[in-house]
């Protein structure tokens, strides 16, 4: 029996001519929760309470800008003819790898100016970062983007998904794989794993490097299922290439720091340096 399926409204509410999108609300909520958890853990680890709040004042806008620039560069074929669409991030189109690049550079500079170990800051922030990513993927869900290839309703129902997810994956007459959900679950699992690793008391820097490795492995496989990938060439997906590079670089840094005794200090150590 045919049924009419209406997608969820991506607009949460309007303030006069201003439309507030669920995408922005969800991303903002993820950032707020991530910041709250980072501040709480940072305070527990002996950092001043304003450390992460001050860092985010710089890191968030720079991350958004760098994420958008990254996306626009690889979609320049469209944006060179539609320059007015470049700032419209509420329609989607920000790349997490671009955000990470901007955030890491900002954190390096911030840490040097504050005289705090970059590794200590990123170790503390790692669980917050991946939790924010897990939440942020639901912004893609509301925009019906970051999905995979076509599938059937029967397959989606076999995953025991609630109807609101199944129905939202019905786009222009076709059901699609909910890759946003796969990545969200992978990221949330990574969040739990990182919390458990805090109890293991890894060496300084290894919490953040574990985050990079975990996220990149999941992103590599999930990206292969998506239909909206940024392409490096006609056959190479940029996110997969970056993910492979990040895994190799993170492993190399991890082993190098251990070999050179640069990671002698433990996560639970109180010293800033």
C-alpha atoms as a PDB file:
ATOM      1  CA  UNK A   1       0.000   0.000   0.000  1.00  0.00           C
ATOM      2  CA  UNK A   2       1.422   3.385  -1.007  1.00  0.00           C
ATOM      3  CA  UNK A   3       1.867   5.952   1.707  1.00  0.00           C
ATOM      4  CA  UNK A   4       2.838   9.584   1.694  1.00  0.00           C
ATOM      5  CA  UNK A   5       6.029  10.242   3.628  1.00  0.00           C
ATOM      6  CA  UNK A   6       6.847  13.773   4.667  1.00  0.00           C
ATOM      7  CA  UNK A   7      10.409  14.606   5.736  1.00  0.00           C
ATOM      8  CA  UNK A   8      11.057  16.389   8.994  1.00  0.00           C
ATOM      9  CA  UNK A   9      11.167  20.164   8.693  1.00  0.00           C
ATOM     10  CA  UNK A  10      14.812  21.299   8.792  1.00  0.00           C
ATOM     11  CA  UNK A  11      13.660  24.690  10.125  1.00  0.00           C
ATOM     12  CA  UNK A  12      13.041  24.667  13.877  1.00  0.00           C
ATOM     13  CA  UNK A  13      11.388  28.090  14.071  1.00  0.00           C
ATOM     14  CA  UNK A  14      11.459  31.556  12.543  1.00  0.00           C
ATOM     15  CA  UNK A  15      12.186  34.922  14.098  1.00  0.00           C
ATOM     16  CA  UNK A  16      10.663  37.261  11.579  1.00  0.00           C
ATOM     17  CA  UNK A  17      12.685  36.832   8.386  1.00  0.00           C
ATOM     18  CA  UNK A  18      15.327  34.769  10.199  1.00  0.00           C
ATOM     19  CA  UNK A  19      14.948  31.013   9.966  1.00  0.00           C
ATOM     20  CA  UNK A  20      16.603  28.965  12.694  1.00  0.00           C
ATOM     21  CA  UNK A  21      17.588  25.552  11.368  1.00  0.00           C
ATOM     22  CA  UNK A  22      17.772  22.345  13.357  1.00  0.00           C
ATOM     23  CA  UNK A  23      21.215  21.822  11.835  1.00  0.00           C
ATOM     24  CA  UNK A  24      22.596  24.821  13.705  1.00  0.00           C
ATOM     25  CA  UNK A  25      20.758  23.977  16.923  1.00  0.00           C
ATOM     26  CA  UNK A  26      22.096  20.425  16.945  1.00  0.00           C
ATOM     27  CA  UNK A  27      25.658  21.462  16.104  1.00  0.00           C
ATOM     28  CA  UNK A  28      25.503  24.175  18.777  1.00  0.00           C
ATOM     29  CA  UNK A  29      24.132  21.733  21.353  1.00  0.00           C
ATOM     30  CA  UNK A  30      26.935  19.284  20.612  1.00  0.00           C
ATOM     31  CA  UNK A  31      29.523  22.023  21.039  1.00  0.00           C
ATOM     32  CA  UNK A  32      27.959  23.226  24.298  1.00  0.00           C
ATOM     33  CA  UNK A  33      27.930  19.741  25.822  1.00  0.00           C
ATOM     34  CA  UNK A  34      31.479  19.071  24.622  1.00  0.00           C
ATOM     35  CA  UNK A  35      32.673  22.328  26.171  1.00  0.00           C
ATOM     36  CA  UNK A  36      30.917  21.591  29.471  1.00  0.00           C
ATOM     37  CA  UNK A  37      32.554  18.165  29.752  1.00  0.00           C
ATOM     38  CA  UNK A  38      35.977  19.521  28.775  1.00  0.00           C
ATOM     39  CA  UNK A  39      35.774  22.300  31.371  1.00  0.00           C
ATOM     40  CA  UNK A  40      34.744  19.842  34.082  1.00  0.00           C
ATOM     41  CA  UNK A  41      37.554  17.396  33.253  1.00  0.00           C
ATOM     42  CA  UNK A  42      40.065  20.209  32.771  1.00  0.00           C
ATOM     43  CA  UNK A  43      39.265  21.586  36.219  1.00  0.00           C
ATOM     44  CA  UNK A  44      39.670  18.093  37.671  1.00  0.00           C
ATOM     45  CA  UNK A  45      43.046  17.821  35.939  1.00  0.00           C
ATOM     46  CA  UNK A  46      44.250  21.093  37.441  1.00  0.00           C
ATOM     47  CA  UNK A  47      43.710  23.525  34.563  1.00  0.00           C
ATOM     48  CA  UNK A  48      42.215  26.982  35.218  1.00  0.00           C
ATOM     49  CA  UNK A  49      38.435  26.969  34.762  1.00  0.00           C
ATOM     50  CA  UNK A  50      38.582  29.462  31.916  1.00  0.00           C
ATOM     51  CA  UNK A  51      41.088  27.454  29.824  1.00  0.00           C
ATOM     52  CA  UNK A  52      38.645  25.678  27.521  1.00  0.00           C
ATOM     53  CA  UNK A  53      36.164  28.563  27.426  1.00  0.00           C
ATOM     54  CA  UNK A  54      38.950  30.876  26.247  1.00  0.00           C
ATOM     55  CA  UNK A  55      40.198  28.286  23.765  1.00  0.00           C
ATOM     56  CA  UNK A  56      36.722  27.795  22.297  1.00  0.00           C
ATOM     57  CA  UNK A  57      36.312  31.541  21.740  1.00  0.00           C
ATOM     58  CA  UNK A  58      39.021  31.142  19.110  1.00  0.00           C
ATOM     59  CA  UNK A  59      38.716  27.506  18.105  1.00  0.00           C
ATOM     60  CA  UNK A  60      34.977  27.420  17.298  1.00  0.00           C
ATOM     61  CA  UNK A  61      34.860  30.281  14.770  1.00  0.00           C
ATOM     62  CA  UNK A  62      38.166  29.221  13.233  1.00  0.00           C
ATOM     63  CA  UNK A  63      36.969  25.607  13.008  1.00  0.00           C
ATOM     64  CA  UNK A  64      33.735  26.664  11.300  1.00  0.00           C
ATOM     65  CA  UNK A  65      35.575  28.867   8.836  1.00  0.00           C
ATOM     66  CA  UNK A  66      38.238  26.261   8.074  1.00  0.00           C
ATOM     67  CA  UNK A  67      35.600  23.525   7.750  1.00  0.00           C
ATOM     68  CA  UNK A  68      33.680  25.621   5.243  1.00  0.00           C
ATOM     69  CA  UNK A  69      36.803  26.623   3.311  1.00  0.00           C
ATOM     70  CA  UNK A  70      37.825  22.966   3.092  1.00  0.00           C
ATOM     71  CA  UNK A  71      34.405  22.009   1.732  1.00  0.00           C
ATOM     72  CA  UNK A  72      34.209  24.912  -0.727  1.00  0.00           C
ATOM     73  CA  UNK A  73      37.666  24.139  -2.120  1.00  0.00           C
ATOM     74  CA  UNK A  74      36.618  20.633  -3.096  1.00  0.00           C
ATOM     75  CA  UNK A  75      33.252  21.816  -4.423  1.00  0.00           C
ATOM     76  CA  UNK A  76      34.676  24.814  -6.236  1.00  0.00           C
ATOM     77  CA  UNK A  77      33.077  23.722  -9.498  1.00  0.00           C
ATOM     78  CA  UNK A  78      29.740  24.726  -7.959  1.00  0.00           C
ATOM     79  CA  UNK A  79      30.721  27.640  -5.740  1.00  0.00           C
ATOM     80  CA  UNK A  80      32.657  29.546  -8.385  1.00  0.00           C
ATOM     81  CA  UNK A  81      29.343  30.004 -10.163  1.00  0.00           C
ATOM     82  CA  UNK A  82      27.334  30.520  -6.951  1.00  0.00           C
ATOM     83  CA  UNK A  83      29.557  32.646  -4.672  1.00  0.00           C
ATOM     84  CA  UNK A  84      26.532  33.903  -2.712  1.00  0.00           C
ATOM     85  CA  UNK A  85      26.057  30.355  -1.393  1.00  0.00           C
ATOM     86  CA  UNK A  86      29.525  30.141   0.145  1.00  0.00           C
ATOM     87  CA  UNK A  87      28.520  31.475   3.604  1.00  0.00           C
ATOM     88  CA  UNK A  88      25.290  29.437   3.785  1.00  0.00           C
ATOM     89  CA  UNK A  89      26.530  26.806   6.198  1.00  0.00           C
ATOM     90  CA  UNK A  90      22.993  26.315   7.520  1.00  0.00           C
ATOM     91  CA  UNK A  91      22.330  24.360   4.327  1.00  0.00           C
ATOM     92  CA  UNK A  92      25.112  21.948   5.241  1.00  0.00           C
ATOM     93  CA  UNK A  93      28.510  21.699   3.649  1.00  0.00           C
ATOM     94  CA  UNK A  94      31.150  21.833   6.358  1.00  0.00           C
ATOM     95  CA  UNK A  95      33.904  19.232   6.452  1.00  0.00           C
ATOM     96  CA  UNK A  96      35.014  17.828   9.795  1.00  0.00           C
ATOM     97  CA  UNK A  97      38.584  17.355   8.586  1.00  0.00           C
ATOM     98  CA  UNK A  98      38.757  21.055   7.801  1.00  0.00           C
ATOM     99  CA  UNK A  99      37.431  21.834  11.274  1.00  0.00           C
ATOM    100  CA  UNK A 100      40.026  19.549  12.878  1.00  0.00           C
ATOM    101  CA  UNK A 101      42.862  21.194  10.974  1.00  0.00           C
ATOM    102  CA  UNK A 102      41.774  24.646  12.087  1.00  0.00           C
ATOM    103  CA  UNK A 103      41.193  23.510  15.674  1.00  0.00           C
ATOM    104  CA  UNK A 104      44.568  21.771  16.019  1.00  0.00           C
ATOM    105  CA  UNK A 105      46.468  24.802  14.698  1.00  0.00           C
ATOM    106  CA  UNK A 106      44.506  27.080  17.033  1.00  0.00           C
ATOM    107  CA  UNK A 107      45.181  24.805  20.010  1.00  0.00           C
ATOM    108  CA  UNK A 108      48.922  24.644  19.284  1.00  0.00           C
ATOM    109  CA  UNK A 109      49.135  28.446  19.298  1.00  0.00           C
ATOM    110  CA  UNK A 110      46.869  28.768  22.343  1.00  0.00           C
ATOM    111  CA  UNK A 111      48.822  26.175  24.332  1.00  0.00           C
ATOM    112  CA  UNK A 112      52.131  27.911  23.648  1.00  0.00           C
ATOM    113  CA  UNK A 113      50.761  31.284  24.718  1.00  0.00           C
ATOM    114  CA  UNK A 114      49.288  29.850  27.929  1.00  0.00           C
ATOM    115  CA  UNK A 115      52.316  27.699  28.723  1.00  0.00           C
ATOM    116  CA  UNK A 116      50.180  24.552  28.850  1.00  0.00           C
ATOM    117  CA  UNK A 117      51.021  21.246  27.203  1.00  0.00           C
ATOM    118  CA  UNK A 118      49.215  20.843  23.862  1.00  0.00           C
ATOM    119  CA  UNK A 119      48.957  17.133  24.598  1.00  0.00           C
ATOM    120  CA  UNK A 120      47.359  17.721  27.979  1.00  0.00           C
ATOM    121  CA  UNK A 121      44.706  19.981  26.452  1.00  0.00           C
ATOM    122  CA  UNK A 122      43.909  17.598  23.601  1.00  0.00           C
ATOM    123  CA  UNK A 123      43.919  14.517  25.843  1.00  0.00           C
ATOM    124  CA  UNK A 124      41.322  16.151  28.065  1.00  0.00           C
ATOM    125  CA  UNK A 125      39.280  17.347  25.099  1.00  0.00           C
ATOM    126  CA  UNK A 126      39.364  14.119  23.056  1.00  0.00           C
ATOM    127  CA  UNK A 127      36.209  12.497  24.520  1.00  0.00           C
ATOM    128  CA  UNK A 128      34.375  15.803  24.224  1.00  0.00           C
ATOM    129  CA  UNK A 129      35.378  16.191  20.585  1.00  0.00           C
ATOM    130  CA  UNK A 130      34.112  12.800  19.496  1.00  0.00           C
ATOM    131  CA  UNK A 131      30.893  13.189  21.508  1.00  0.00           C
ATOM    132  CA  UNK A 132      30.289  16.515  19.766  1.00  0.00           C
ATOM    133  CA  UNK A 133      30.793  14.776  16.432  1.00  0.00           C
ATOM    134  CA  UNK A 134      28.338  12.023  17.398  1.00  0.00           C
ATOM    135  CA  UNK A 135      25.688  14.617  18.187  1.00  0.00           C
ATOM    136  CA  UNK A 136      26.518  16.801  15.194  1.00  0.00           C
ATOM    137  CA  UNK A 137      25.755  14.015  12.706  1.00  0.00           C
ATOM    138  CA  UNK A 138      22.083  14.390  13.611  1.00  0.00           C
ATOM    139  CA  UNK A 139      22.236  17.813  12.007  1.00  0.00           C
ATOM    140  CA  UNK A 140      22.999  15.981   8.752  1.00  0.00           C
ATOM    141  CA  UNK A 141      19.994  13.778   9.476  1.00  0.00           C
ATOM    142  CA  UNK A 142      17.688  16.790   9.657  1.00  0.00           C
ATOM    143  CA  UNK A 143      19.077  18.075   6.349  1.00  0.00           C
ATOM    144  CA  UNK A 144      18.761  14.613   4.723  1.00  0.00           C
ATOM    145  CA  UNK A 145      22.441  14.648   3.802  1.00  0.00           C
ATOM    146  CA  UNK A 146      25.567  12.572   4.500  1.00  0.00           C
ATOM    147  CA  UNK A 147      23.595   9.463   3.574  1.00  0.00           C
ATOM    148  CA  UNK A 148      24.719   6.338   1.768  1.00  0.00           C
ATOM    149  CA  UNK A 149      23.565   4.588  -1.367  1.00  0.00           C
ATOM    150  CA  UNK A 150      20.045   3.511  -2.143  1.00  0.00           C
ATOM    151  CA  UNK A 151      18.430   0.686  -0.206  1.00  0.00           C
ATOM    152  CA  UNK A 152      14.956  -0.584   0.664  1.00  0.00           C
ATOM    153  CA  UNK A 153      12.548   0.174   3.458  1.00  0.00           C
ATOM    154  CA  UNK A 154      12.651  -3.500   4.391  1.00  0.00           C
ATOM    155  CA  UNK A 155      16.402  -3.280   4.983  1.00  0.00           C
ATOM    156  CA  UNK A 156      16.056  -0.172   7.137  1.00  0.00           C
ATOM    157  CA  UNK A 157      13.297  -1.795   9.158  1.00  0.00           C
ATOM    158  CA  UNK A 158      15.485  -4.870   9.606  1.00  0.00           C
ATOM    159  CA  UNK A 159      17.884  -2.623  11.535  1.00  0.00           C
ATOM    160  CA  UNK A 160      15.044  -1.985  14.022  1.00  0.00           C
ATOM    161  CA  UNK A 161      15.215   1.746  13.419  1.00  0.00           C
ATOM    162  CA  UNK A 162      12.345   3.947  14.602  1.00  0.00           C
ATOM    163  CA  UNK A 163       9.985   5.120  11.867  1.00  0.00           C
ATOM    164  CA  UNK A 164      11.110   8.739  12.046  1.00  0.00           C
ATOM    165  CA  UNK A 165      14.605   7.684  10.932  1.00  0.00           C
ATOM    166  CA  UNK A 166      13.340   5.303   8.258  1.00  0.00           C
ATOM    167  CA  UNK A 167      10.998   7.962   6.877  1.00  0.00           C
ATOM    168  CA  UNK A 168      13.705  10.636   6.886  1.00  0.00           C
ATOM    169  CA  UNK A 169      15.858   8.344   4.758  1.00  0.00           C
ATOM    170  CA  UNK A 170      13.180   8.468   2.042  1.00  0.00           C
ATOM    171  CA  UNK A 171      14.500  11.161  -0.274  1.00  0.00           C
ATOM    172  CA  UNK A 172      13.008  12.007  -3.650  1.00  0.00           C
ATOM    173  CA  UNK A 173      11.316   8.640  -3.964  1.00  0.00           C
ATOM    174  CA  UNK A 174      14.240   6.483  -2.802  1.00  0.00           C
ATOM    175  CA  UNK A 175      15.369   5.066   0.529  1.00  0.00           C
ATOM    176  CA  UNK A 176      19.032   5.573   1.446  1.00  0.00           C
ATOM    177  CA  UNK A 177      21.528   4.084   3.885  1.00  0.00           C
ATOM    178  CA  UNK A 178      21.648   6.126   7.137  1.00  0.00           C
ATOM    179  CA  UNK A 179      25.405   6.568   7.156  1.00  0.00           C
ATOM    180  CA  UNK A 180      24.973   9.591   9.421  1.00  0.00           C
ATOM    181  CA  UNK A 181      23.648   7.133  12.015  1.00  0.00           C
ATOM    182  CA  UNK A 182      26.461   4.640  11.487  1.00  0.00           C
ATOM    183  CA  UNK A 183      29.020   7.345  12.129  1.00  0.00           C
ATOM    184  CA  UNK A 184      27.117   8.743  15.095  1.00  0.00           C
ATOM    185  CA  UNK A 185      27.035   5.300  16.731  1.00  0.00           C
ATOM    186  CA  UNK A 186      30.735   4.762  15.945  1.00  0.00           C
ATOM    187  CA  UNK A 187      31.607   8.132  17.474  1.00  0.00           C
ATOM    188  CA  UNK A 188      29.500   7.556  20.586  1.00  0.00           C
ATOM    189  CA  UNK A 189      31.181   4.172  21.030  1.00  0.00           C
ATOM    190  CA  UNK A 190      34.519   5.974  20.744  1.00  0.00           C
ATOM    191  CA  UNK A 191      33.386   8.416  23.433  1.00  0.00           C
ATOM    192  CA  UNK A 192      32.703   5.539  25.836  1.00  0.00           C
ATOM    193  CA  UNK A 193      36.025   3.916  24.922  1.00  0.00           C
ATOM    194  CA  UNK A 194      37.964   7.107  25.635  1.00  0.00           C
ATOM    195  CA  UNK A 195      36.271   7.493  29.004  1.00  0.00           C
ATOM    196  CA  UNK A 196      37.373   3.958  29.836  1.00  0.00           C
ATOM    197  CA  UNK A 197      40.908   4.719  28.662  1.00  0.00           C
ATOM    198  CA  UNK A 198      41.084   7.512  31.230  1.00  0.00           C
ATOM    199  CA  UNK A 199      40.994   4.792  33.868  1.00  0.00           C
ATOM    200  CA  UNK A 200      43.912   3.047  32.148  1.00  0.00           C
ATOM    201  CA  UNK A 201      45.883   6.276  32.619  1.00  0.00           C
ATOM    202  CA  UNK A 202      47.558   6.347  29.229  1.00  0.00           C
ATOM    203  CA  UNK A 203      50.715   8.290  28.614  1.00  0.00           C
ATOM    204  CA  UNK A 204      50.462  11.979  27.744  1.00  0.00           C
ATOM    205  CA  UNK A 205      49.194  12.456  24.185  1.00  0.00           C
ATOM    206  CA  UNK A 206      47.896   8.931  23.702  1.00  0.00           C
ATOM    207  CA  UNK A 207      44.292   9.768  24.536  1.00  0.00           C
ATOM    208  CA  UNK A 208      44.140  12.268  21.688  1.00  0.00           C
ATOM    209  CA  UNK A 209      46.027   9.980  19.329  1.00  0.00           C
ATOM    210  CA  UNK A 210      43.612   7.162  20.199  1.00  0.00           C
ATOM    211  CA  UNK A 211      40.749   9.455  19.269  1.00  0.00           C
ATOM    212  CA  UNK A 212      42.364  10.257  15.925  1.00  0.00           C
ATOM    213  CA  UNK A 213      42.907   6.571  15.154  1.00  0.00           C
ATOM    214  CA  UNK A 214      39.432   5.448  16.243  1.00  0.00           C
ATOM    215  CA  UNK A 215      37.574   8.186  14.412  1.00  0.00           C
ATOM    216  CA  UNK A 216      39.651   7.825  11.255  1.00  0.00           C
ATOM    217  CA  UNK A 217      39.145   4.056  10.998  1.00  0.00           C
ATOM    218  CA  UNK A 218      35.383   4.434  11.264  1.00  0.00           C
ATOM    219  CA  UNK A 219      35.303   7.386   8.896  1.00  0.00           C
ATOM    220  CA  UNK A 220      37.315   5.483   6.279  1.00  0.00           C
ATOM    221  CA  UNK A 221      34.799   2.651   6.025  1.00  0.00           C
ATOM    222  CA  UNK A 222      31.653   4.761   6.411  1.00  0.00           C
ATOM    223  CA  UNK A 223      32.866   7.281   3.852  1.00  0.00           C
ATOM    224  CA  UNK A 224      33.044   4.469   1.302  1.00  0.00           C
ATOM    225  CA  UNK A 225      29.276   4.080   1.629  1.00  0.00           C
ATOM    226  CA  UNK A 226      28.382   7.741   1.125  1.00  0.00           C
ATOM    227  CA  UNK A 227      27.126   9.331  -2.069  1.00  0.00           C
ATOM    228  CA  UNK A 228      28.186  12.921  -1.341  1.00  0.00           C
ATOM    229  CA  UNK A 229      31.912  12.507  -0.774  1.00  0.00           C
ATOM    230  CA  UNK A 230      34.385  15.248  -1.566  1.00  0.00           C
ATOM    231  CA  UNK A 231      36.608  13.764  -4.250  1.00  0.00           C
ATOM    232  CA  UNK A 232      40.364  14.174  -4.598  1.00  0.00           C
ATOM    233  CA  UNK A 233      40.235  12.546  -8.025  1.00  0.00           C
ATOM    234  CA  UNK A 234      37.471  10.797  -9.929  1.00  0.00           C
ATOM    235  CA  UNK A 235      38.128   7.629  -7.917  1.00  0.00           C
ATOM    236  CA  UNK A 236      39.713   8.818  -4.643  1.00  0.00           C
ATOM    237  CA  UNK A 237      37.509  10.077  -1.816  1.00  0.00           C
ATOM    238  CA  UNK A 238      39.270  12.857   0.049  1.00  0.00           C
ATOM    239  CA  UNK A 239      37.998  11.818   3.488  1.00  0.00           C
ATOM    240  CA  UNK A 240      39.273   8.273   3.000  1.00  0.00           C
ATOM    241  CA  UNK A 241      42.712   9.484   1.954  1.00  0.00           C
ATOM    242  CA  UNK A 242      42.895  11.870   4.923  1.00  0.00           C
ATOM    243  CA  UNK A 243      41.675   9.135   7.281  1.00  0.00           C
ATOM    244  CA  UNK A 244      44.401   6.744   6.168  1.00  0.00           C
ATOM    245  CA  UNK A 245      47.048   9.442   6.513  1.00  0.00           C
ATOM    246  CA  UNK A 246      45.796  10.368   9.993  1.00  0.00           C
ATOM    247  CA  UNK A 247      45.916   6.754  11.205  1.00  0.00           C
ATOM    248  CA  UNK A 248      49.478   6.316   9.950  1.00  0.00           C
ATOM    249  CA  UNK A 249      50.648   9.681  11.313  1.00  0.00           C
ATOM    250  CA  UNK A 250      49.000   9.103  14.705  1.00  0.00           C
ATOM    251  CA  UNK A 251      50.609   5.660  15.019  1.00  0.00           C
ATOM    252  CA  UNK A 252      53.985   7.073  13.976  1.00  0.00           C
ATOM    253  CA  UNK A 253      53.739   9.883  16.553  1.00  0.00           C
ATOM    254  CA  UNK A 254      52.653   7.447  19.247  1.00  0.00           C
ATOM    255  CA  UNK A 255      55.612   5.103  18.697  1.00  0.00           C
ATOM    256  CA  UNK A 256      58.073   7.974  18.214  1.00  0.00           C
ATOM    257  CA  UNK A 257      57.037   9.667  21.472  1.00  0.00           C
ATOM    258  CA  UNK A 258      57.403   6.394  23.362  1.00  0.00           C
ATOM    259  CA  UNK A 259      60.758   5.574  21.795  1.00  0.00           C
ATOM    260  CA  UNK A 260      62.156   9.025  22.578  1.00  0.00           C
ATOM    261  CA  UNK A 261      60.599   8.989  26.056  1.00  0.00           C
ATOM    262  CA  UNK A 262      58.537  12.065  25.170  1.00  0.00           C
ATOM    263  CA  UNK A 263      55.396  10.401  26.523  1.00  0.00           C
ATOM    264  CA  UNK A 264      56.763   9.472  29.923  1.00  0.00           C
ATOM    265  CA  UNK A 265      54.178  11.550  31.780  1.00  0.00           C
ATOM    266  CA  UNK A 266      50.796   9.937  32.385  1.00  0.00           C
ATOM    267  CA  UNK A 267      47.356  11.362  31.707  1.00  0.00           C
ATOM    268  CA  UNK A 268      46.611  11.582  35.422  1.00  0.00           C
ATOM    269  CA  UNK A 269      49.753  13.623  36.171  1.00  0.00           C
ATOM    270  CA  UNK A 270      48.991  17.070  37.602  1.00  0.00           C
ATOM    271  CA  UNK A 271      51.803  19.016  35.935  1.00  0.00           C
ATOM    272  CA  UNK A 272      50.870  21.349  33.070  1.00  0.00           C
ATOM    273  CA  UNK A 273      53.985  20.625  31.052  1.00  0.00           C
END
